[in-house]
Amino acid sequence: MQEVFFLSSMDSERFSSVFRCEVERPIELPNGHHALMVSCDPPLNGQELGHPLGIGGLLLWSRFADEDLWTFPAFPHFVQICLPDVELRVDAMPTSIAWGEIYETEADATAHEMSTRPRSSVE
């Protein structure tokens, strides 16, 4: 598992800039999917989300059910972005606040470079 990567989003204005993410710990979600708790730099502006001092950590999990965030083979990897401090029932999944992509380098995240992802044989 890569310990540092870069988060950005082609789908969300809130995450259109680049955030350096460092893995804090792996998390297993209630449905068995694997997620990562990450710190993000710079902190996310959180006023609209009820966090006026900013959001320094996020919970990320794979956007596609057949992909595993703990063992993904290549960048970019498509993720759900969630707030880490949400109280969940044992059987509930975290609520996504945006879709994003994680990239190996800051330059790839800035350019939204997709050429590093292996092509599927079922295109």
PDB file of N, CA and C in Angstrom:
ATOM      1  N   MET A   1       0.854  -1.178   0.000  1.00  0.00           N
ATOM      2  CA  MET A   1       0.000   0.000   0.000  1.00  0.00           C
ATOM      3  C   MET A   1       0.900   1.241   0.000  1.00  0.00           C
ATOM      4  N   GLN A   2       0.635   2.139  -0.911  1.00  0.00           N
ATOM      5  CA  GLN A   2       1.401   3.388  -0.969  1.00  0.00           C
ATOM      6  C   GLN A   2       0.987   4.293   0.181  1.00  0.00           C
ATOM      7  N   GLU A   3       1.952   4.862   0.887  1.00  0.00           N
ATOM      8  CA  GLU A   3       1.671   5.666   2.076  1.00  0.00           C
ATOM      9  C   GLU A   3       1.330   7.120   1.773  1.00  0.00           C
ATOM     10  N   VAL A   4       1.809   7.655   0.634  1.00  0.00           N
ATOM     11  CA  VAL A   4       1.534   9.042   0.245  1.00  0.00           C
ATOM     12  C   VAL A   4       1.053   9.048  -1.204  1.00  0.00           C
ATOM     13  N   PHE A   5      -0.029   9.793  -1.460  1.00  0.00           N
ATOM     14  CA  PHE A   5      -0.539   9.963  -2.815  1.00  0.00           C
ATOM     15  C   PHE A   5      -1.247  11.307  -2.874  1.00  0.00           C
ATOM     16  N   PHE A   6      -1.804  11.639  -4.025  1.00  0.00           N
ATOM     17  CA  PHE A   6      -2.401  12.960  -4.240  1.00  0.00           C
ATOM     18  C   PHE A   6      -3.846  12.803  -4.697  1.00  0.00           C
ATOM     19  N   LEU A   7      -4.726  13.562  -4.065  1.00  0.00           N
ATOM     20  CA  LEU A   7      -6.166  13.507  -4.313  1.00  0.00           C
ATOM     21  C   LEU A   7      -6.606  14.737  -5.077  1.00  0.00           C
ATOM     22  N   SER A   8      -7.434  14.520  -6.077  1.00  0.00           N
ATOM     23  CA  SER A   8      -8.066  15.614  -6.811  1.00  0.00           C
ATOM     24  C   SER A   8      -9.384  15.061  -7.351  1.00  0.00           C
ATOM     25  N   SER A   9     -10.149  15.902  -8.035  1.00  0.00           N
ATOM     26  CA  SER A   9     -11.409  15.432  -8.590  1.00  0.00           C
ATOM     27  C   SER A   9     -11.760  16.157  -9.877  1.00  0.00           C
ATOM     28  N   MET A  10     -12.192  15.368 -10.845  1.00  0.00           N
ATOM     29  CA  MET A  10     -12.737  15.939 -12.076  1.00  0.00           C
ATOM     30  C   MET A  10     -14.231  16.197 -11.928  1.00  0.00           C
ATOM     31  N   ASP A  11     -14.847  15.661 -10.865  1.00  0.00           N
ATOM     32  CA  ASP A  11     -16.296  15.749 -10.674  1.00  0.00           C
ATOM     33  C   ASP A  11     -16.736  16.751  -9.621  1.00  0.00           C
ATOM     34  N   SER A  12     -15.827  17.180  -8.755  1.00  0.00           N
ATOM     35  CA  SER A  12     -16.213  18.005  -7.614  1.00  0.00           C
ATOM     36  C   SER A  12     -15.396  19.291  -7.566  1.00  0.00           C
ATOM     37  N   GLU A  13     -16.073  20.409  -7.547  1.00  0.00           N
ATOM     38  CA  GLU A  13     -15.397  21.703  -7.425  1.00  0.00           C
ATOM     39  C   GLU A  13     -14.627  21.794  -6.106  1.00  0.00           C
ATOM     40  N   ARG A  14     -15.208  21.257  -5.041  1.00  0.00           N
ATOM     41  CA  ARG A  14     -14.579  21.297  -3.719  1.00  0.00           C
ATOM     42  C   ARG A  14     -13.204  20.617  -3.723  1.00  0.00           C
ATOM     43  N   PHE A  15     -13.031  19.582  -4.548  1.00  0.00           N
ATOM     44  CA  PHE A  15     -11.777  18.837  -4.603  1.00  0.00           C
ATOM     45  C   PHE A  15     -11.051  19.017  -5.939  1.00  0.00           C
ATOM     46  N   SER A  16     -11.298  20.118  -6.623  1.00  0.00           N
ATOM     47  CA  SER A  16     -10.651  20.340  -7.919  1.00  0.00           C
ATOM     48  C   SER A  16      -9.170  20.687  -7.787  1.00  0.00           C
ATOM     49  N   SER A  17      -8.754  21.200  -6.630  1.00  0.00           N
ATOM     50  CA  SER A  17      -7.325  21.437  -6.413  1.00  0.00           C
ATOM     51  C   SER A  17      -6.690  20.118  -5.956  1.00  0.00           C
ATOM     52  N   VAL A  18      -5.407  20.140  -5.696  1.00  0.00           N
ATOM     53  CA  VAL A  18      -4.677  18.924  -5.334  1.00  0.00           C
ATOM     54  C   VAL A  18      -4.389  18.901  -3.835  1.00  0.00           C
ATOM     55  N   PHE A  19      -4.645  17.754  -3.218  1.00  0.00           N
ATOM     56  CA  PHE A  19      -4.394  17.542  -1.793  1.00  0.00           C
ATOM     57  C   PHE A  19      -3.395  16.399  -1.642  1.00  0.00           C
ATOM     58  N   ARG A  20      -2.339  16.650  -0.892  1.00  0.00           N
ATOM     59  CA  ARG A  20      -1.375  15.591  -0.577  1.00  0.00           C
ATOM     60  C   ARG A  20      -1.979  14.772   0.559  1.00  0.00           C
ATOM     61  N   CYS A  21      -2.076  13.471   0.369  1.00  0.00           N
ATOM     62  CA  CYS A  21      -2.680  12.595   1.366  1.00  0.00           C
ATOM     63  C   CYS A  21      -1.647  11.617   1.898  1.00  0.00           C
ATOM     64  N   GLU A  22      -1.659  11.454   3.215  1.00  0.00           N
ATOM     65  CA  GLU A  22      -0.797  10.471   3.858  1.00  0.00           C
ATOM     66  C   GLU A  22      -1.695   9.491   4.612  1.00  0.00           C
ATOM     67  N   VAL A  23      -1.465   8.210   4.380  1.00  0.00           N
ATOM     68  CA  VAL A  23      -2.289   7.182   5.009  1.00  0.00           C
ATOM     69  C   VAL A  23      -2.053   7.183   6.516  1.00  0.00           C
ATOM     70  N   GLU A  24      -3.135   7.326   7.269  1.00  0.00           N
ATOM     71  CA  GLU A  24      -3.080   7.247   8.726  1.00  0.00           C
ATOM     72  C   GLU A  24      -3.317   5.806   9.190  1.00  0.00           C
ATOM     73  N   ARG A  25      -4.356   5.177   8.599  1.00  0.00           N
ATOM     74  CA  ARG A  25      -4.628   3.781   8.937  1.00  0.00           C
ATOM     75  C   ARG A  25      -5.658   3.194   7.962  1.00  0.00           C
ATOM     76  N   PRO A  26      -5.593   1.892   7.748  1.00  0.00           N
ATOM     77  CA  PRO A  26      -6.626   1.219   6.960  1.00  0.00           C
ATOM     78  C   PRO A  26      -7.865   1.003   7.825  1.00  0.00           C
ATOM     79  N   ILE A  27      -9.019   0.989   7.183  1.00  0.00           N
ATOM     80  CA  ILE A  27     -10.307   0.812   7.867  1.00  0.00           C
ATOM     81  C   ILE A  27     -11.108  -0.233   7.083  1.00  0.00           C
ATOM     82  N   GLU A  28     -11.752  -1.134   7.793  1.00  0.00           N
ATOM     83  CA  GLU A  28     -12.686  -2.041   7.123  1.00  0.00           C
ATOM     84  C   GLU A  28     -14.093  -1.517   7.358  1.00  0.00           C
ATOM     85  N   LEU A  29     -14.819  -1.286   6.272  1.00  0.00           N
ATOM     86  CA  LEU A  29     -16.181  -0.742   6.356  1.00  0.00           C
ATOM     87  C   LEU A  29     -17.171  -1.846   6.729  1.00  0.00           C
ATOM     88  N   PRO A  30     -18.374  -1.460   7.163  1.00  0.00           N
ATOM     89  CA  PRO A  30     -19.367  -2.456   7.597  1.00  0.00           C
ATOM     90  C   PRO A  30     -19.682  -3.526   6.547  1.00  0.00           C
ATOM     91  N   ASN A  31     -19.572  -3.186   5.272  1.00  0.00           N
ATOM     92  CA  ASN A  31     -19.877  -4.167   4.225  1.00  0.00           C
ATOM     93  C   ASN A  31     -18.650  -4.993   3.847  1.00  0.00           C
ATOM     94  N   GLY A  32     -17.529  -4.796   4.547  1.00  0.00           N
ATOM     95  CA  GLY A  32     -16.311  -5.548   4.254  1.00  0.00           C
ATOM     96  C   GLY A  32     -15.370  -4.861   3.289  1.00  0.00           C
ATOM     97  N   HIS A  33     -15.813  -3.782   2.640  1.00  0.00           N
ATOM     98  CA  HIS A  33     -14.918  -3.058   1.731  1.00  0.00           C
ATOM     99  C   HIS A  33     -13.800  -2.387   2.521  1.00  0.00           C
ATOM    100  N   HIS A  34     -12.689  -2.210   1.855  1.00  0.00           N
ATOM    101  CA  HIS A  34     -11.529  -1.597   2.491  1.00  0.00           C
ATOM    102  C   HIS A  34     -11.475  -0.107   2.210  1.00  0.00           C
ATOM    103  N   ALA A  35     -11.149   0.667   3.230  1.00  0.00           N
ATOM    104  CA  ALA A  35     -11.051   2.124   3.128  1.00  0.00           C
ATOM    105  C   ALA A  35      -9.740   2.566   3.769  1.00  0.00           C
ATOM    106  N   LEU A  36      -9.415   3.831   3.566  1.00  0.00           N
ATOM    107  CA  LEU A  36      -8.226   4.416   4.170  1.00  0.00           C
ATOM    108  C   LEU A  36      -8.593   5.713   4.869  1.00  0.00           C
ATOM    109  N   MET A  37      -8.115   5.871   6.090  1.00  0.00           N
ATOM    110  CA  MET A  37      -8.185   7.147   6.783  1.00  0.00           C
ATOM    111  C   MET A  37      -6.900   7.877   6.414  1.00  0.00           C
ATOM    112  N   VAL A  38      -7.035   9.097   5.876  1.00  0.00           N
ATOM    113  CA  VAL A  38      -5.861   9.842   5.436  1.00  0.00           C
ATOM    114  C   VAL A  38      -5.868  11.247   6.032  1.00  0.00           C
ATOM    115  N   SER A  39      -4.670  11.795   6.208  1.00  0.00           N
ATOM    116  CA  SER A  39      -4.553  13.217   6.522  1.00  0.00           C
ATOM    117  C   SER A  39      -4.378  13.925   5.191  1.00  0.00           C
ATOM    118  N   CYS A  40      -4.888  15.147   5.075  1.00  0.00           N
ATOM    119  CA  CYS A  40      -4.761  15.859   3.804  1.00  0.00           C
ATOM    120  C   CYS A  40      -4.135  17.235   4.026  1.00  0.00           C
ATOM    121  N   ASP A  41      -3.297  17.597   3.088  1.00  0.00           N
ATOM    122  CA  ASP A  41      -2.580  18.865   3.128  1.00  0.00           C
ATOM    123  C   ASP A  41      -2.677  19.511   1.755  1.00  0.00           C
ATOM    124  N   PRO A  42      -3.239  20.691   1.643  1.00  0.00           N
ATOM    125  CA  PRO A  42      -3.740  21.535   2.733  1.00  0.00           C
ATOM    126  C   PRO A  42      -5.064  20.998   3.256  1.00  0.00           C
ATOM    127  N   PRO A  43      -5.450  21.430   4.462  1.00  0.00           N
ATOM    128  CA  PRO A  43      -6.763  21.032   4.973  1.00  0.00           C
ATOM    129  C   PRO A  43      -7.870  21.547   4.050  1.00  0.00           C
ATOM    130  N   LEU A  44      -8.931  20.792   3.969  1.00  0.00           N
ATOM    131  CA  LEU A  44     -10.086  21.149   3.152  1.00  0.00           C
ATOM    132  C   LEU A  44     -10.879  22.254   3.828  1.00  0.00           C
ATOM    133  N   ASN A  45     -11.318  23.245   3.059  1.00  0.00           N
ATOM    134  CA  ASN A  45     -12.206  24.281   3.593  1.00  0.00           C
ATOM    135  C   ASN A  45     -13.507  23.592   3.993  1.00  0.00           C
ATOM    136  N   GLY A  46     -13.827  23.628   5.271  1.00  0.00           N
ATOM    137  CA  GLY A  46     -14.969  22.872   5.763  1.00  0.00           C
ATOM    138  C   GLY A  46     -16.149  23.680   6.242  1.00  0.00           C
ATOM    139  N   GLN A  47     -16.166  24.983   5.971  1.00  0.00           N
ATOM    140  CA  GLN A  47     -17.267  25.809   6.480  1.00  0.00           C
ATOM    141  C   GLN A  47     -18.626  25.326   6.023  1.00  0.00           C
ATOM    142  N   GLU A  48     -18.751  24.954   4.743  1.00  0.00           N
ATOM    143  CA  GLU A  48     -20.043  24.503   4.218  1.00  0.00           C
ATOM    144  C   GLU A  48     -20.459  23.162   4.800  1.00  0.00           C
ATOM    145  N   LEU A  49     -19.497  22.444   5.390  1.00  0.00           N
ATOM    146  CA  LEU A  49     -19.763  21.116   5.934  1.00  0.00           C
ATOM    147  C   LEU A  49     -19.836  21.114   7.464  1.00  0.00           C
ATOM    148  N   GLY A  50     -19.864  22.311   8.059  1.00  0.00           N
ATOM    149  CA  GLY A  50     -19.960  22.411   9.503  1.00  0.00           C
ATOM    150  C   GLY A  50     -18.631  22.302  10.239  1.00  0.00           C
ATOM    151  N   HIS A  51     -17.535  22.513   9.536  1.00  0.00           N
ATOM    152  CA  HIS A  51     -16.194  22.451  10.130  1.00  0.00           C
ATOM    153  C   HIS A  51     -15.466  23.769   9.828  1.00  0.00           C
ATOM    154  N   PRO A  52     -15.761  24.827  10.567  1.00  0.00           N
ATOM    155  CA  PRO A  52     -15.202  26.149  10.255  1.00  0.00           C
ATOM    156  C   PRO A  52     -13.677  26.232  10.361  1.00  0.00           C
ATOM    157  N   LEU A  53     -13.043  25.326  11.083  1.00  0.00           N
ATOM    158  CA  LEU A  53     -11.584  25.359  11.209  1.00  0.00           C
ATOM    159  C   LEU A  53     -10.884  24.528  10.139  1.00  0.00           C
ATOM    160  N   GLY A  54     -11.642  23.925   9.239  1.00  0.00           N
ATOM    161  CA  GLY A  54     -11.072  23.119   8.171  1.00  0.00           C
ATOM    162  C   GLY A  54     -11.125  21.637   8.502  1.00  0.00           C
ATOM    163  N   ILE A  55     -10.874  20.828   7.499  1.00  0.00           N
ATOM    164  CA  ILE A  55     -10.913  19.371   7.627  1.00  0.00           C
ATOM    165  C   ILE A  55      -9.540  18.840   7.253  1.00  0.00           C
ATOM    166  N   GLY A  56      -8.856  18.261   8.218  1.00  0.00           N
ATOM    167  CA  GLY A  56      -7.495  17.778   7.995  1.00  0.00           C
ATOM    168  C   GLY A  56      -7.404  16.303   7.699  1.00  0.00           C
ATOM    169  N   GLY A  57      -8.526  15.597   7.758  1.00  0.00           N
ATOM    170  CA  GLY A  57      -8.523  14.163   7.492  1.00  0.00           C
ATOM    171  C   GLY A  57      -9.749  13.752   6.712  1.00  0.00           C
ATOM    172  N   LEU A  58      -9.603  12.700   5.922  1.00  0.00           N
ATOM    173  CA  LEU A  58     -10.698  12.191   5.106  1.00  0.00           C
ATOM    174  C   LEU A  58     -10.714  10.670   5.168  1.00  0.00           C
ATOM    175  N   LEU A  59     -11.862  10.107   4.869  1.00  0.00           N
ATOM    176  CA  LEU A  59     -12.012   8.675   4.714  1.00  0.00           C
ATOM    177  C   LEU A  59     -12.241   8.420   3.227  1.00  0.00           C
ATOM    178  N   LEU A  60     -11.410   7.592   2.630  1.00  0.00           N
ATOM    179  CA  LEU A  60     -11.517   7.275   1.200  1.00  0.00           C
ATOM    180  C   LEU A  60     -11.819   5.795   1.036  1.00  0.00           C
ATOM    181  N   TRP A  61     -12.718   5.481   0.106  1.00  0.00           N
ATOM    182  CA  TRP A  61     -12.959   4.083  -0.244  1.00  0.00           C
ATOM    183  C   TRP A  61     -13.235   3.993  -1.734  1.00  0.00           C
ATOM    184  N   SER A  62     -12.997   2.828  -2.305  1.00  0.00           N
ATOM    185  CA  SER A  62     -13.099   2.640  -3.756  1.00  0.00           C
ATOM    186  C   SER A  62     -14.489   2.957  -4.261  1.00  0.00           C
ATOM    187  N   ARG A  63     -14.511   3.660  -5.358  1.00  0.00           N
ATOM    188  CA  ARG A  63     -15.780   4.049  -5.977  1.00  0.00           C
ATOM    189  C   ARG A  63     -16.476   2.844  -6.610  1.00  0.00           C
ATOM    190  N   PHE A  64     -15.695   1.864  -7.048  1.00  0.00           N
ATOM    191  CA  PHE A  64     -16.250   0.698  -7.732  1.00  0.00           C
ATOM    192  C   PHE A  64     -16.134  -0.528  -6.827  1.00  0.00           C
ATOM    193  N   ALA A  65     -17.221  -1.266  -6.698  1.00  0.00           N
ATOM    194  CA  ALA A  65     -17.302  -2.378  -5.743  1.00  0.00           C
ATOM    195  C   ALA A  65     -16.269  -3.465  -5.996  1.00  0.00           C
ATOM    196  N   ASP A  66     -15.848  -3.659  -7.235  1.00  0.00           N
ATOM    197  CA  ASP A  66     -14.906  -4.744  -7.529  1.00  0.00           C
ATOM    198  C   ASP A  66     -13.441  -4.319  -7.387  1.00  0.00           C
ATOM    199  N   GLU A  67     -13.178  -3.130  -6.880  1.00  0.00           N
ATOM    200  CA  GLU A  67     -11.809  -2.669  -6.679  1.00  0.00           C
ATOM    201  C   GLU A  67     -11.544  -2.499  -5.186  1.00  0.00           C
ATOM    202  N   ASP A  68     -10.302  -2.747  -4.799  1.00  0.00           N
ATOM    203  CA  ASP A  68      -9.919  -2.733  -3.393  1.00  0.00           C
ATOM    204  C   ASP A  68      -8.879  -1.643  -3.165  1.00  0.00           C
ATOM    205  N   LEU A  69      -9.187  -0.711  -2.295  1.00  0.00           N
ATOM    206  CA  LEU A  69      -8.278   0.412  -2.043  1.00  0.00           C
ATOM    207  C   LEU A  69      -6.999  -0.026  -1.331  1.00  0.00           C
ATOM    208  N   TRP A  70      -7.015  -1.162  -0.673  1.00  0.00           N
ATOM    209  CA  TRP A  70      -5.801  -1.638  -0.011  1.00  0.00           C
ATOM    210  C   TRP A  70      -4.821  -2.276  -0.987  1.00  0.00           C
ATOM    211  N   THR A  71      -5.319  -2.751  -2.133  1.00  0.00           N
ATOM    212  CA  THR A  71      -4.447  -3.487  -3.061  1.00  0.00           C
ATOM    213  C   THR A  71      -4.562  -3.013  -4.506  1.00  0.00           C
ATOM    214  N   PHE A  72      -5.018  -1.786  -4.722  1.00  0.00           N
ATOM    215  CA  PHE A  72      -5.221  -1.344  -6.101  1.00  0.00           C
ATOM    216  C   PHE A  72      -3.903  -1.444  -6.882  1.00  0.00           C
ATOM    217  N   PRO A  73      -3.969  -1.884  -8.156  1.00  0.00           N
ATOM    218  CA  PRO A  73      -2.756  -2.178  -8.908  1.00  0.00           C
ATOM    219  C   PRO A  73      -2.069  -0.974  -9.541  1.00  0.00           C
ATOM    220  N   ALA A  74      -2.796   0.093  -9.783  1.00  0.00           N
ATOM    221  CA  ALA A  74      -2.191   1.222 -10.501  1.00  0.00           C
ATOM    222  C   ALA A  74      -2.966   2.496 -10.233  1.00  0.00           C
ATOM    223  N   PHE A  75      -2.323   3.599 -10.540  1.00  0.00           N
ATOM    224  CA  PHE A  75      -2.964   4.909 -10.450  1.00  0.00           C
ATOM    225  C   PHE A  75      -3.463   5.299 -11.827  1.00  0.00           C
ATOM    226  N   PRO A  76      -4.449   6.170 -11.929  1.00  0.00           N
ATOM    227  CA  PRO A  76      -5.260   6.702 -10.831  1.00  0.00           C
ATOM    228  C   PRO A  76      -6.248   5.665 -10.329  1.00  0.00           C
ATOM    229  N   HIS A  77      -6.752   5.908  -9.135  1.00  0.00           N
ATOM    230  CA  HIS A  77      -7.761   5.037  -8.533  1.00  0.00           C
ATOM    231  C   HIS A  77      -8.949   5.929  -8.162  1.00  0.00           C
ATOM    232  N   PHE A  78     -10.131   5.509  -8.537  1.00  0.00           N
ATOM    233  CA  PHE A  78     -11.337   6.305  -8.312  1.00  0.00           C
ATOM    234  C   PHE A  78     -11.909   6.010  -6.931  1.00  0.00           C
ATOM    235  N   VAL A  79     -12.192   7.072  -6.178  1.00  0.00           N
ATOM    236  CA  VAL A  79     -12.600   6.911  -4.778  1.00  0.00           C
ATOM    237  C   VAL A  79     -13.846   7.715  -4.441  1.00  0.00           C
ATOM    238  N   GLN A  80     -14.505   7.269  -3.369  1.00  0.00           N
ATOM    239  CA  GLN A  80     -15.534   8.036  -2.687  1.00  0.00           C
ATOM    240  C   GLN A  80     -14.803   8.815  -1.603  1.00  0.00           C
ATOM    241  N   ILE A  81     -15.143  10.072  -1.409  1.00  0.00           N
ATOM    242  CA  ILE A  81     -14.528  10.907  -0.379  1.00  0.00           C
ATOM    243  C   ILE A  81     -15.574  11.145   0.705  1.00  0.00           C
ATOM    244  N   CYS A  82     -15.203  10.839   1.946  1.00  0.00           N
ATOM    245  CA  CYS A  82     -16.130  10.945   3.076  1.00  0.00           C
ATOM    246  C   CYS A  82     -15.471  11.694   4.222  1.00  0.00           C
ATOM    247  N   LEU A  83     -16.297  12.283   5.075  1.00  0.00           N
ATOM    248  CA  LEU A  83     -15.791  12.893   6.301  1.00  0.00           C
ATOM    249  C   LEU A  83     -15.500  11.779   7.308  1.00  0.00           C
ATOM    250  N   PRO A  84     -14.405  11.866   8.032  1.00  0.00           N
ATOM    251  CA  PRO A  84     -14.034  10.773   8.938  1.00  0.00           C
ATOM    252  C   PRO A  84     -14.750  10.766  10.271  1.00  0.00           C
ATOM    253  N   ASP A  85     -15.386  11.850  10.644  1.00  0.00           N
ATOM    254  CA  ASP A  85     -15.951  11.940  11.992  1.00  0.00           C
ATOM    255  C   ASP A  85     -17.442  11.669  12.057  1.00  0.00           C
ATOM    256  N   VAL A  86     -17.975  11.030  11.046  1.00  0.00           N
ATOM    257  CA  VAL A  86     -19.402  10.728  11.014  1.00  0.00           C
ATOM    258  C   VAL A  86     -19.654   9.465  11.833  1.00  0.00           C
ATOM    259  N   GLU A  87     -20.641   9.533  12.723  1.00  0.00           N
ATOM    260  CA  GLU A  87     -21.022   8.351  13.501  1.00  0.00           C
ATOM    261  C   GLU A  87     -21.837   7.426  12.606  1.00  0.00           C
ATOM    262  N   LEU A  88     -21.417   6.166  12.533  1.00  0.00           N
ATOM    263  CA  LEU A  88     -22.105   5.202  11.684  1.00  0.00           C
ATOM    264  C   LEU A  88     -22.732   4.093  12.514  1.00  0.00           C
ATOM    265  N   ARG A  89     -23.889   3.656  12.060  1.00  0.00           N
ATOM    266  CA  ARG A  89     -24.444   2.425  12.619  1.00  0.00           C
ATOM    267  C   ARG A  89     -23.558   1.276  12.148  1.00  0.00           C
ATOM    268  N   VAL A  90     -23.621   0.175  12.812  1.00  0.00           N
ATOM    269  CA  VAL A  90     -22.776  -0.969  12.465  1.00  0.00           C
ATOM    270  C   VAL A  90     -23.021  -1.438  11.028  1.00  0.00           C
ATOM    271  N   ASP A  91     -24.265  -1.319  10.552  1.00  0.00           N
ATOM    272  CA  ASP A  91     -24.603  -1.803   9.221  1.00  0.00           C
ATOM    273  C   ASP A  91     -24.622  -0.697   8.158  1.00  0.00           C
ATOM    274  N   ALA A  92     -24.205   0.520   8.493  1.00  0.00           N
ATOM    275  CA  ALA A  92     -24.287   1.659   7.562  1.00  0.00           C
ATOM    276  C   ALA A  92     -22.946   1.917   6.878  1.00  0.00           C
ATOM    277  N   MET A  93     -23.020   2.485   5.714  1.00  0.00           N
ATOM    278  CA  MET A  93     -21.828   2.907   4.977  1.00  0.00           C
ATOM    279  C   MET A  93     -21.674   4.418   5.143  1.00  0.00           C
ATOM    280  N   PRO A  94     -20.430   4.924   5.095  1.00  0.00           N
ATOM    281  CA  PRO A  94     -20.229   6.376   5.209  1.00  0.00           C
ATOM    282  C   PRO A  94     -20.849   7.105   4.017  1.00  0.00           C
ATOM    283  N   THR A  95     -21.314   8.313   4.261  1.00  0.00           N
ATOM    284  CA  THR A  95     -21.907   9.126   3.209  1.00  0.00           C
ATOM    285  C   THR A  95     -20.812   9.831   2.425  1.00  0.00           C
ATOM    286  N   SER A  96     -20.849   9.672   1.125  1.00  0.00           N
ATOM    287  CA  SER A  96     -19.867  10.309   0.259  1.00  0.00           C
ATOM    288  C   SER A  96     -20.189  11.792   0.115  1.00  0.00           C
ATOM    289  N   ILE A  97     -19.151  12.644   0.223  1.00  0.00           N
ATOM    290  CA  ILE A  97     -19.351  14.075  -0.029  1.00  0.00           C
ATOM    291  C   ILE A  97     -18.861  14.451  -1.426  1.00  0.00           C
ATOM    292  N   ALA A  98     -18.126  13.526  -2.074  1.00  0.00           N
ATOM    293  CA  ALA A  98     -17.639  13.787  -3.435  1.00  0.00           C
ATOM    294  C   ALA A  98     -17.017  12.520  -4.004  1.00  0.00           C
ATOM    295  N   TRP A  99     -16.863  12.524  -5.322  1.00  0.00           N
ATOM    296  CA  TRP A  99     -16.080  11.510  -6.017  1.00  0.00           C
ATOM    297  C   TRP A  99     -14.744  12.142  -6.351  1.00  0.00           C
ATOM    298  N   GLY A 100     -13.705  11.353  -6.331  1.00  0.00           N
ATOM    299  CA  GLY A 100     -12.388  11.865  -6.668  1.00  0.00           C
ATOM    300  C   GLY A 100     -11.501  10.784  -7.223  1.00  0.00           C
ATOM    301  N   GLU A 101     -10.257  11.161  -7.459  1.00  0.00           N
ATOM    302  CA  GLU A 101      -9.254  10.233  -7.953  1.00  0.00           C
ATOM    303  C   GLU A 101      -7.992  10.418  -7.129  1.00  0.00           C
ATOM    304  N   ILE A 102      -7.292   9.320  -6.869  1.00  0.00           N
ATOM    305  CA  ILE A 102      -5.987   9.444  -6.244  1.00  0.00           C
ATOM    306  C   ILE A 102      -4.922   9.125  -7.289  1.00  0.00           C
ATOM    307  N   TYR A 103      -3.863   9.894  -7.236  1.00  0.00           N
ATOM    308  CA  TYR A 103      -2.785   9.824  -8.211  1.00  0.00           C
ATOM    309  C   TYR A 103      -1.459   9.593  -7.494  1.00  0.00           C
ATOM    310  N   GLU A 104      -0.494   9.068  -8.226  1.00  0.00           N
ATOM    311  CA  GLU A 104       0.819   8.794  -7.647  1.00  0.00           C
ATOM    312  C   GLU A 104       1.629  10.059  -7.431  1.00  0.00           C
ATOM    313  N   THR A 105       1.480  11.043  -8.337  1.00  0.00           N
ATOM    314  CA  THR A 105       2.277  12.270  -8.230  1.00  0.00           C
ATOM    315  C   THR A 105       1.378  13.499  -8.224  1.00  0.00           C
ATOM    316  N   GLU A 106       1.906  14.582  -7.700  1.00  0.00           N
ATOM    317  CA  GLU A 106       1.179  15.848  -7.699  1.00  0.00           C
ATOM    318  C   GLU A 106       0.931  16.337  -9.124  1.00  0.00           C
ATOM    319  N   ALA A 107       1.927  16.141 -10.005  1.00  0.00           N
ATOM    320  CA  ALA A 107       1.781  16.565 -11.405  1.00  0.00           C
ATOM    321  C   ALA A 107       0.643  15.815 -12.088  1.00  0.00           C
ATOM    322  N   ASP A 108       0.540  14.496 -11.847  1.00  0.00           N
ATOM    323  CA  ASP A 108      -0.556  13.724 -12.440  1.00  0.00           C
ATOM    324  C   ASP A 108      -1.908  14.190 -11.904  1.00  0.00           C
ATOM    325  N   ALA A 109      -1.967  14.501 -10.605  1.00  0.00           N
ATOM    326  CA  ALA A 109      -3.221  14.972 -10.014  1.00  0.00           C
ATOM    327  C   ALA A 109      -3.626  16.331 -10.585  1.00  0.00           C
ATOM    328  N   THR A 110      -2.650  17.202 -10.786  1.00  0.00           N
ATOM    329  CA  THR A 110      -2.929  18.522 -11.348  1.00  0.00           C
ATOM    330  C   THR A 110      -3.469  18.402 -12.770  1.00  0.00           C
ATOM    331  N   ALA A 111      -2.872  17.494 -13.553  1.00  0.00           N
ATOM    332  CA  ALA A 111      -3.262  17.317 -14.962  1.00  0.00           C
ATOM    333  C   ALA A 111      -4.412  16.330 -15.136  1.00  0.00           C
ATOM    334  N   HIS A 112      -4.833  15.667 -14.043  1.00  0.00           N
ATOM    335  CA  HIS A 112      -5.807  14.572 -14.118  1.00  0.00           C
ATOM    336  C   HIS A 112      -5.365  13.551 -15.153  1.00  0.00           C
ATOM    337  N   GLU A 113      -4.123  13.129 -15.016  1.00  0.00           N
ATOM    338  CA  GLU A 113      -3.480  12.210 -15.961  1.00  0.00           C
ATOM    339  C   GLU A 113      -4.016  10.792 -15.775  1.00  0.00           C
ATOM    340  N   MET A 114      -4.616  10.278 -16.831  1.00  0.00           N
ATOM    341  CA  MET A 114      -5.217   8.941 -16.775  1.00  0.00           C
ATOM    342  C   MET A 114      -4.383   7.875 -17.477  1.00  0.00           C
ATOM    343  N   SER A 115      -3.308   8.233 -18.127  1.00  0.00           N
ATOM    344  CA  SER A 115      -2.563   7.268 -18.943  1.00  0.00           C
ATOM    345  C   SER A 115      -1.842   6.208 -18.133  1.00  0.00           C
ATOM    346  N   THR A 116      -1.683   6.398 -16.836  1.00  0.00           N
ATOM    347  CA  THR A 116      -0.977   5.399 -16.032  1.00  0.00           C
ATOM    348  C   THR A 116      -1.859   4.227 -15.638  1.00  0.00           C
ATOM    349  N   ARG A 117      -3.162   4.349 -15.797  1.00  0.00           N
ATOM    350  CA  ARG A 117      -4.067   3.252 -15.427  1.00  0.00           C
ATOM    351  C   ARG A 117      -4.061   2.204 -16.525  1.00  0.00           C
ATOM    352  N   PRO A 118      -3.878   0.930 -16.150  1.00  0.00           N
ATOM    353  CA  PRO A 118      -3.902  -0.130 -17.167  1.00  0.00           C
ATOM    354  C   PRO A 118      -5.270  -0.219 -17.809  1.00  0.00           C
ATOM    355  N   ARG A 119      -5.277  -0.515 -19.087  1.00  0.00           N
ATOM    356  CA  ARG A 119      -6.546  -0.639 -19.798  1.00  0.00           C
ATOM    357  C   ARG A 119      -7.193  -1.986 -19.505  1.00  0.00           C
ATOM    358  N   SER A 120      -8.495  -1.967 -19.409  1.00  0.00           N
ATOM    359  CA  SER A 120      -9.245  -3.194 -19.177  1.00  0.00           C
ATOM    360  C   SER A 120      -9.356  -3.959 -20.481  1.00  0.00           C
ATOM    361  N   SER A 121      -9.346  -5.263 -20.415  1.00  0.00           N
ATOM    362  CA  SER A 121      -9.488  -6.067 -21.625  1.00  0.00           C
ATOM    363  C   SER A 121     -10.948  -6.152 -22.071  1.00  0.00           C
ATOM    364  N   VAL A 122     -11.860  -5.566 -21.297  1.00  0.00           N
ATOM    365  CA  VAL A 122     -13.291  -5.591 -21.621  1.00  0.00           C
ATOM    366  C   VAL A 122     -13.750  -4.176 -21.953  1.00  0.00           C
ATOM    367  N   GLU A 123     -13.201  -3.589 -22.989  1.00  0.00           N
ATOM    368  CA  GLU A 123     -13.583  -2.209 -23.327  1.00  0.00           C
ATOM    369  C   GLU A 123     -14.632  -2.184 -24.407  1.00  0.00           C
TER     370      GLU A 123
END
